[in-house]
């Protein structure tokens, strides 16, 4: 039995590593194995900022990958948690009855929705703001360089 609450929390905490995908679909899931790639690239972007400073153009391309991956996993946690018990059990517990306890919503599920909404929205807004800020600063610098 695959629990909706466990899947939502795994998507929230371990989503960028693909843990929720492995929980639901097994170790053969390609998306689960692909999720750590943008996560690692984003972490590499953070390390580049620490090493080379904020003016490193590659870092401002890599860091949003981590933010968008985290935001996408938070959205996945919300989608999992809001699924009806009948839909959840039909998809992830097909041998169980439609009203099996694994698909029911508990307080833990509600807290997963709240946490995923707060963190996911904040990370998404920060990633977009960081991307646009670095892009426009780069454009201003290029404009100044061309005008001289």
Protein backbone atom coordinates (compact mmCIF):
# COMPACT_ATOMS: atom_id res chain seq x y z
CA UNK A 1 0.00 0.00 0.00
CA UNK A 2 1.40 3.34 -1.07
CA UNK A 3 0.35 6.14 1.24
CA UNK A 4 -0.66 9.49 -0.17
CA UNK A 5 0.72 11.27 2.89
CA UNK A 6 4.11 9.54 2.67
CA UNK A 7 4.32 10.32 -1.06
CA UNK A 8 3.52 13.99 -0.45
CA UNK A 9 6.18 14.33 2.24
CA UNK A 10 8.74 12.47 0.12
CA UNK A 11 8.00 14.82 -2.78
CA UNK A 12 8.43 17.80 -0.45
CA UNK A 13 11.64 16.71 1.33
CA UNK A 14 13.27 14.32 -1.14
CA UNK A 15 11.70 15.38 -4.40
CA UNK A 16 14.83 16.90 -5.92
CA UNK A 17 16.49 13.52 -5.41
CA UNK A 18 13.56 11.59 -6.90
CA UNK A 19 12.60 9.79 -3.67
CA UNK A 20 8.85 10.17 -4.24
CA UNK A 21 9.19 8.66 -7.72
CA UNK A 22 11.13 5.68 -6.37
CA UNK A 23 8.52 5.21 -3.64
CA UNK A 24 5.64 5.18 -6.12
CA UNK A 25 7.18 3.62 -9.24
CA UNK A 26 10.22 1.67 -8.04
CA UNK A 27 13.92 2.02 -8.74
CA UNK A 28 13.42 1.60 -12.48
CA UNK A 29 11.73 5.00 -12.84
CA UNK A 30 13.69 7.16 -15.30
CA UNK A 31 12.25 10.45 -14.06
CA UNK A 32 13.35 9.55 -10.54
CA UNK A 33 16.89 9.02 -11.80
CA UNK A 34 16.78 12.24 -13.88
CA UNK A 35 15.66 14.55 -11.04
CA UNK A 36 19.06 14.69 -9.28
CA UNK A 37 20.68 16.11 -12.44
CA UNK A 38 19.16 19.63 -12.29
CA UNK A 39 19.49 19.50 -8.51
CA UNK A 40 23.23 18.81 -8.76
CA UNK A 41 23.66 21.48 -11.43
CA UNK A 42 21.91 24.02 -9.20
CA UNK A 43 24.10 23.11 -6.24
CA UNK A 44 27.12 23.47 -8.52
CA UNK A 45 25.85 26.97 -9.40
CA UNK A 46 25.70 27.86 -5.71
CA UNK A 47 29.25 26.59 -5.23
CA UNK A 48 30.38 28.68 -8.23
CA UNK A 49 28.86 31.81 -6.64
CA UNK A 50 30.76 31.09 -3.44
CA UNK A 51 33.97 30.55 -5.39
CA UNK A 52 33.77 33.20 -8.15
CA UNK A 53 31.24 35.70 -6.81
CA UNK A 54 27.88 36.84 -8.13
CA UNK A 55 29.26 38.03 -11.45
CA UNK A 56 29.80 34.48 -12.69
CA UNK A 57 27.42 34.14 -15.68
CA UNK A 58 27.27 30.34 -15.49
CA UNK A 59 26.10 30.43 -11.89
CA UNK A 60 23.09 32.59 -12.67
CA UNK A 61 22.07 30.02 -15.26
CA UNK A 62 22.56 27.04 -12.94
CA UNK A 63 21.09 28.27 -9.64
CA UNK A 64 17.52 28.63 -10.97
CA UNK A 65 17.60 24.95 -11.99
CA UNK A 66 17.71 24.03 -8.32
CA UNK A 67 14.93 26.48 -7.48
CA UNK A 68 12.67 25.31 -10.28
CA UNK A 69 13.28 21.67 -9.36
CA UNK A 70 12.37 22.33 -5.73
CA UNK A 71 9.28 24.32 -6.75
CA UNK A 72 8.20 21.55 -9.15
CA UNK A 73 8.59 18.93 -6.45
CA UNK A 74 6.55 21.07 -4.05
CA UNK A 75 3.84 21.30 -6.71
CA UNK A 76 3.98 17.51 -7.07
CA UNK A 77 3.53 17.17 -3.30
CA UNK A 78 0.44 19.38 -3.47
CA UNK A 79 -1.01 17.39 -6.37
CA UNK A 80 -0.42 14.11 -4.53
CA UNK A 81 -1.94 15.41 -1.32
CA UNK A 82 -5.04 16.83 -3.04
CA UNK A 83 -5.84 13.62 -4.93
CA UNK A 84 -9.10 12.00 -3.92
CA UNK A 85 -8.79 8.66 -2.11
CA UNK A 86 -10.54 6.89 -4.97
CA UNK A 87 -8.21 8.33 -7.59
CA UNK A 88 -5.10 7.73 -5.46
CA UNK A 89 -5.97 4.11 -4.72
CA UNK A 90 -7.00 3.41 -8.32
CA UNK A 91 -3.66 4.68 -9.57
CA UNK A 92 -1.18 3.60 -6.88
CA UNK A 93 -3.01 0.81 -5.02
CA UNK A 94 -5.07 -0.91 -7.73
CA UNK A 95 -5.61 -4.11 -5.72
CA UNK A 96 -7.00 -2.18 -2.73
CA UNK A 97 -10.60 -1.00 -2.37
CA UNK A 98 -11.37 2.55 -3.51
CA UNK A 99 -11.68 3.81 0.08
CA UNK A 100 -8.51 2.16 1.42
CA UNK A 101 -6.80 4.08 4.23
CA UNK A 102 -3.63 4.66 2.18
CA UNK A 103 -5.43 7.19 0.00
CA UNK A 104 -7.17 9.08 2.76
CA UNK A 105 -6.30 12.61 3.77
CA UNK A 106 -4.96 13.06 7.30
CA UNK A 107 -3.60 16.03 9.21
CA UNK A 108 -0.14 15.03 8.04
CA UNK A 109 -1.35 15.39 4.47
CA UNK A 110 -2.76 18.85 5.19
CA UNK A 111 0.54 19.96 6.77
CA UNK A 112 2.38 18.65 3.69
CA UNK A 113 0.16 20.85 1.49
CA UNK A 114 0.80 23.89 3.68
CA UNK A 115 4.57 23.36 3.81
CA UNK A 116 4.83 22.65 0.08
CA UNK A 117 2.77 25.72 -0.79
CA UNK A 118 4.81 28.04 1.43
CA UNK A 119 8.25 26.76 0.49
CA UNK A 120 7.44 26.08 -3.16
CA UNK A 121 5.97 29.52 -3.79
CA UNK A 122 8.86 31.24 -2.02
CA UNK A 123 11.51 29.27 -3.89
CA UNK A 124 9.77 29.83 -7.22
CA UNK A 125 9.53 33.58 -6.68
CA UNK A 126 13.14 33.78 -5.52
CA UNK A 127 14.35 31.78 -8.54
CA UNK A 128 12.46 33.97 -10.98
CA UNK A 129 13.65 37.16 -9.27
CA UNK A 130 17.26 35.97 -9.22
CA UNK A 131 17.14 34.98 -12.88
CA UNK A 132 15.64 38.24 -14.08
CA UNK A 133 17.87 40.38 -11.88
CA UNK A 134 21.04 38.74 -13.17
CA UNK A 135 19.77 38.85 -16.76
CA UNK A 136 18.93 42.56 -16.65
CA UNK A 137 22.16 43.46 -14.85
CA UNK A 138 24.04 41.62 -17.56
CA UNK A 139 22.11 43.52 -20.27
CA UNK A 140 22.87 46.87 -18.62
CA UNK A 141 26.57 46.01 -18.42
CA UNK A 142 26.60 44.96 -22.08
CA UNK A 143 24.83 48.21 -23.02
CA UNK A 144 27.43 50.22 -21.14
CA UNK A 145 30.25 48.29 -22.77
CA UNK A 146 28.82 48.86 -26.25
CA UNK A 147 28.26 52.58 -25.67
CA UNK A 148 31.88 53.22 -24.68
